[in-house]
Amino acid sequence: MSHTGVLRVATLGITSAIVATLFTGCVYRREVVPAASPPTTVIVTPGERVVNYPDGRWELRGTGATTDPYYWVWVPTGAMPPNPPPVPRLPR
């Protein structure tokens, strides 16, 4: 191969490498993970015994006494609230 042929092959190789580098480039992918939302805490004052939501409500029942503890009941929108279950007796 003559000097001109070697020069052409080298030029073609270098040009091909430059074109390949320009058209491929580096790909960088960064996934964004949303921050976890803190848990929701509902503080109910003595006068508030119902927490409303679009699809229903939570009702706080019971008196808070040891024989009738507080408990929450979910009532879906459009439903009649069920009768409260009997309070379980504490072992003596």
N, C-alpha and C. Protein backbone atom coordinates (compact mmCIF):
# COMPACT_ATOMS: atom_id res chain seq x y z
N MET A 1 0.86 -1.15 0.00
CA MET A 1 0.00 0.00 0.00
C MET A 1 0.91 1.22 0.00
N SER A 2 0.54 2.19 -0.80
CA SER A 2 1.38 3.38 -0.93
C SER A 2 1.13 4.31 0.26
N HIS A 3 1.97 5.31 0.34
CA HIS A 3 1.87 6.30 1.40
C HIS A 3 0.52 7.01 1.34
N THR A 4 0.01 7.28 0.16
CA THR A 4 -1.28 7.94 -0.02
C THR A 4 -2.40 7.03 0.45
N GLY A 5 -2.34 5.73 0.19
CA GLY A 5 -3.36 4.78 0.61
C GLY A 5 -3.43 4.67 2.13
N VAL A 6 -2.26 4.65 2.78
CA VAL A 6 -2.22 4.57 4.24
C VAL A 6 -2.80 5.84 4.84
N LEU A 7 -2.49 6.97 4.23
CA LEU A 7 -3.00 8.25 4.70
C LEU A 7 -4.52 8.32 4.56
N ARG A 8 -5.05 7.79 3.46
CA ARG A 8 -6.49 7.78 3.26
C ARG A 8 -7.18 6.88 4.29
N VAL A 9 -6.64 5.71 4.53
CA VAL A 9 -7.23 4.77 5.50
C VAL A 9 -7.19 5.39 6.91
N ALA A 10 -6.07 6.03 7.25
CA ALA A 10 -5.96 6.66 8.56
C ALA A 10 -6.94 7.82 8.70
N THR A 11 -7.04 8.61 7.66
CA THR A 11 -7.97 9.75 7.68
C THR A 11 -9.40 9.26 7.78
N LEU A 12 -9.74 8.21 7.02
CA LEU A 12 -11.09 7.65 7.07
C LEU A 12 -11.40 7.09 8.47
N GLY A 13 -10.42 6.42 9.07
CA GLY A 13 -10.61 5.86 10.41
C GLY A 13 -10.81 6.95 11.45
N ILE A 14 -10.00 7.99 11.39
CA ILE A 14 -10.12 9.09 12.35
C ILE A 14 -11.43 9.84 12.14
N THR A 15 -11.80 10.09 10.89
CA THR A 15 -13.04 10.77 10.60
C THR A 15 -14.23 9.95 11.07
N SER A 16 -14.20 8.66 10.84
CA SER A 16 -15.29 7.78 11.29
C SER A 16 -15.41 7.81 12.81
N ALA A 17 -14.28 7.81 13.52
CA ALA A 17 -14.29 7.84 14.98
C ALA A 17 -14.88 9.16 15.49
N ILE A 18 -14.52 10.26 14.86
CA ILE A 18 -15.03 11.58 15.27
C ILE A 18 -16.53 11.66 15.02
N VAL A 19 -16.98 11.22 13.83
CA VAL A 19 -18.40 11.26 13.50
C VAL A 19 -19.19 10.37 14.47
N ALA A 20 -18.68 9.19 14.76
CA ALA A 20 -19.37 8.28 15.67
C ALA A 20 -19.47 8.89 17.06
N THR A 21 -18.40 9.56 17.50
CA THR A 21 -18.42 10.19 18.81
C THR A 21 -19.42 11.34 18.85
N LEU A 22 -19.48 12.13 17.80
CA LEU A 22 -20.39 13.26 17.77
C LEU A 22 -21.85 12.83 17.76
N PHE A 23 -22.17 11.76 17.02
CA PHE A 23 -23.56 11.35 16.89
C PHE A 23 -24.04 10.43 18.01
N THR A 24 -23.15 9.75 18.69
CA THR A 24 -23.60 8.88 19.78
C THR A 24 -23.60 9.63 21.10
N GLY A 25 -22.51 10.25 21.44
CA GLY A 25 -22.43 11.03 22.68
C GLY A 25 -22.69 10.19 23.90
N CYS A 26 -22.71 10.82 25.03
CA CYS A 26 -22.99 10.15 26.29
C CYS A 26 -24.45 10.35 26.65
N VAL A 27 -25.02 9.34 27.20
CA VAL A 27 -26.40 9.43 27.64
C VAL A 27 -26.40 9.38 29.16
N TYR A 28 -27.01 10.38 29.76
CA TYR A 28 -27.08 10.44 31.22
C TYR A 28 -28.55 10.44 31.60
N ARG A 29 -28.93 9.52 32.45
CA ARG A 29 -30.32 9.43 32.88
C ARG A 29 -30.37 9.56 34.38
N ARG A 30 -31.20 10.47 34.82
CA ARG A 30 -31.35 10.70 36.26
C ARG A 30 -32.81 10.48 36.62
N GLU A 31 -33.05 9.56 37.51
CA GLU A 31 -34.42 9.31 37.94
C GLU A 31 -34.71 10.16 39.17
N VAL A 32 -35.82 10.83 39.12
CA VAL A 32 -36.22 11.66 40.23
C VAL A 32 -37.23 10.89 41.07
N VAL A 33 -36.89 10.68 42.32
CA VAL A 33 -37.78 9.97 43.22
C VAL A 33 -38.45 11.01 44.11
N PRO A 34 -39.78 11.06 44.11
CA PRO A 34 -40.43 12.07 44.93
C PRO A 34 -40.19 11.80 46.41
N ALA A 35 -40.08 12.87 47.15
CA ALA A 35 -39.86 12.74 48.58
C ALA A 35 -41.11 12.14 49.22
N ALA A 36 -40.90 11.30 50.20
CA ALA A 36 -42.03 10.69 50.89
C ALA A 36 -42.76 11.75 51.70
N SER A 37 -44.07 11.72 51.60
CA SER A 37 -44.84 12.69 52.37
C SER A 37 -44.94 12.20 53.81
N PRO A 38 -44.92 13.12 54.74
CA PRO A 38 -45.01 12.70 56.14
C PRO A 38 -46.38 12.11 56.42
N PRO A 39 -46.46 11.21 57.40
CA PRO A 39 -47.77 10.63 57.71
C PRO A 39 -48.72 11.71 58.21
N THR A 40 -49.99 11.53 57.89
CA THR A 40 -51.00 12.50 58.29
C THR A 40 -51.39 12.24 59.74
N THR A 41 -51.37 13.28 60.53
CA THR A 41 -51.80 13.18 61.92
C THR A 41 -53.00 14.09 62.11
N VAL A 42 -54.06 13.53 62.63
CA VAL A 42 -55.27 14.30 62.89
C VAL A 42 -55.40 14.46 64.39
N ILE A 43 -55.44 15.70 64.83
CA ILE A 43 -55.62 15.97 66.26
C ILE A 43 -57.06 16.43 66.44
N VAL A 44 -57.78 15.70 67.26
CA VAL A 44 -59.20 15.99 67.45
C VAL A 44 -59.37 16.64 68.82
N THR A 45 -59.94 17.83 68.80
CA THR A 45 -60.23 18.51 70.06
C THR A 45 -61.51 17.92 70.65
N PRO A 46 -61.79 18.16 71.92
CA PRO A 46 -62.96 17.54 72.54
C PRO A 46 -64.26 17.77 71.78
N GLY A 47 -64.45 18.91 71.14
CA GLY A 47 -65.69 19.17 70.42
C GLY A 47 -65.74 18.52 69.05
N GLU A 48 -64.58 18.13 68.51
CA GLU A 48 -64.53 17.54 67.16
C GLU A 48 -64.52 16.02 67.27
N ARG A 49 -65.56 15.41 66.77
CA ARG A 49 -65.62 13.95 66.81
C ARG A 49 -65.83 13.37 65.42
N VAL A 50 -65.83 14.24 64.38
CA VAL A 50 -66.02 13.79 63.00
C VAL A 50 -64.95 14.46 62.14
N VAL A 51 -64.27 13.66 61.31
CA VAL A 51 -63.30 14.17 60.34
C VAL A 51 -63.82 13.79 58.96
N ASN A 52 -64.19 14.81 58.16
CA ASN A 52 -64.83 14.58 56.85
C ASN A 52 -63.81 14.48 55.73
N TYR A 53 -64.09 13.60 54.79
CA TYR A 53 -63.32 13.42 53.56
C TYR A 53 -64.32 13.35 52.41
N PRO A 54 -63.88 13.52 51.15
CA PRO A 54 -64.82 13.47 50.03
C PRO A 54 -65.57 12.14 49.90
N ASP A 55 -64.93 11.04 50.27
CA ASP A 55 -65.58 9.74 50.09
C ASP A 55 -66.13 9.14 51.38
N GLY A 56 -66.13 9.92 52.45
CA GLY A 56 -66.68 9.42 53.71
C GLY A 56 -66.21 10.26 54.88
N ARG A 57 -66.34 9.68 56.07
CA ARG A 57 -65.90 10.40 57.26
C ARG A 57 -65.48 9.41 58.35
N TRP A 58 -64.62 9.87 59.25
CA TRP A 58 -64.24 9.12 60.43
C TRP A 58 -65.01 9.71 61.60
N GLU A 59 -65.61 8.86 62.41
CA GLU A 59 -66.31 9.30 63.61
C GLU A 59 -65.61 8.72 64.82
N LEU A 60 -65.33 9.58 65.78
CA LEU A 60 -64.72 9.13 67.04
C LEU A 60 -65.85 8.77 67.99
N ARG A 61 -65.82 7.55 68.46
CA ARG A 61 -66.87 7.09 69.36
C ARG A 61 -66.25 6.66 70.68
N GLY A 62 -67.07 6.52 71.66
CA GLY A 62 -66.61 6.13 73.00
C GLY A 62 -66.45 7.37 73.87
N THR A 63 -66.28 7.15 75.17
CA THR A 63 -66.13 8.26 76.10
C THR A 63 -64.70 8.42 76.58
N GLY A 64 -63.87 7.46 76.32
CA GLY A 64 -62.48 7.53 76.77
C GLY A 64 -62.27 6.90 78.13
N ALA A 65 -63.33 6.44 78.74
CA ALA A 65 -63.21 5.77 80.04
C ALA A 65 -62.64 4.36 79.82
N THR A 66 -62.14 3.76 80.86
CA THR A 66 -61.57 2.41 80.72
C THR A 66 -62.63 1.40 80.31
N THR A 67 -63.88 1.63 80.67
CA THR A 67 -64.94 0.70 80.28
C THR A 67 -65.52 1.02 78.91
N ASP A 68 -65.25 2.25 78.38
CA ASP A 68 -65.76 2.67 77.07
C ASP A 68 -64.67 3.47 76.36
N PRO A 69 -63.61 2.77 75.85
CA PRO A 69 -62.48 3.50 75.25
C PRO A 69 -62.88 4.16 73.93
N TYR A 70 -62.07 5.14 73.52
CA TYR A 70 -62.26 5.79 72.21
C TYR A 70 -61.96 4.80 71.10
N TYR A 71 -62.70 4.90 69.99
CA TYR A 71 -62.38 4.14 68.78
C TYR A 71 -62.96 4.89 67.59
N TRP A 72 -62.31 4.71 66.44
CA TRP A 72 -62.70 5.39 65.21
C TRP A 72 -63.53 4.45 64.35
N VAL A 73 -64.56 5.01 63.70
CA VAL A 73 -65.42 4.24 62.78
C VAL A 73 -65.43 4.97 61.45
N TRP A 74 -65.17 4.23 60.36
CA TRP A 74 -65.22 4.80 59.00
C TRP A 74 -66.65 4.66 58.48
N VAL A 75 -67.22 5.79 58.02
CA VAL A 75 -68.57 5.80 57.47
C VAL A 75 -68.47 6.32 56.04
N PRO A 76 -68.68 5.46 55.02
CA PRO A 76 -68.61 5.91 53.63
C PRO A 76 -69.72 6.92 53.32
N THR A 77 -69.48 7.79 52.35
CA THR A 77 -70.48 8.77 51.94
C THR A 77 -71.73 8.06 51.44
N GLY A 78 -72.88 8.52 51.87
CA GLY A 78 -74.14 7.93 51.43
C GLY A 78 -74.57 6.73 52.23
N ALA A 79 -73.78 6.30 53.20
CA ALA A 79 -74.14 5.12 54.00
C ALA A 79 -74.65 5.56 55.36
N MET A 80 -75.53 4.78 55.90
CA MET A 80 -75.99 5.03 57.27
C MET A 80 -74.93 4.49 58.22
N PRO A 81 -74.60 5.24 59.26
CA PRO A 81 -73.59 4.73 60.18
C PRO A 81 -74.08 3.47 60.89
N PRO A 82 -73.20 2.48 61.00
CA PRO A 82 -73.61 1.24 61.66
C PRO A 82 -73.72 1.46 63.17
N ASN A 83 -74.46 0.58 63.79
CA ASN A 83 -74.51 0.62 65.25
C ASN A 83 -73.13 0.26 65.78
N PRO A 84 -72.72 0.93 66.83
CA PRO A 84 -71.39 0.62 67.36
C PRO A 84 -71.34 -0.79 67.91
N PRO A 85 -70.18 -1.45 67.75
CA PRO A 85 -70.06 -2.79 68.30
C PRO A 85 -69.98 -2.71 69.83
N PRO A 86 -70.31 -3.80 70.49
CA PRO A 86 -70.20 -3.77 71.95
C PRO A 86 -68.74 -3.60 72.36
N VAL A 87 -68.53 -2.86 73.41
CA VAL A 87 -67.17 -2.63 73.90
C VAL A 87 -66.67 -3.90 74.57
N PRO A 88 -65.48 -4.37 74.18
CA PRO A 88 -64.97 -5.59 74.81
C PRO A 88 -64.66 -5.34 76.29
N ARG A 89 -64.94 -6.32 77.08
CA ARG A 89 -64.67 -6.22 78.52
C ARG A 89 -63.21 -6.52 78.78
N LEU A 90 -62.64 -5.74 79.66
CA LEU A 90 -61.25 -5.95 80.05
C LEU A 90 -61.19 -7.08 81.09
N PRO A 91 -60.20 -7.95 80.98
CA PRO A 91 -60.09 -9.03 81.98
C PRO A 91 -59.75 -8.43 83.35
N ARG A 92 -60.32 -9.00 84.35
CA ARG A 92 -60.05 -8.51 85.72
C ARG A 92 -59.08 -9.38 86.43
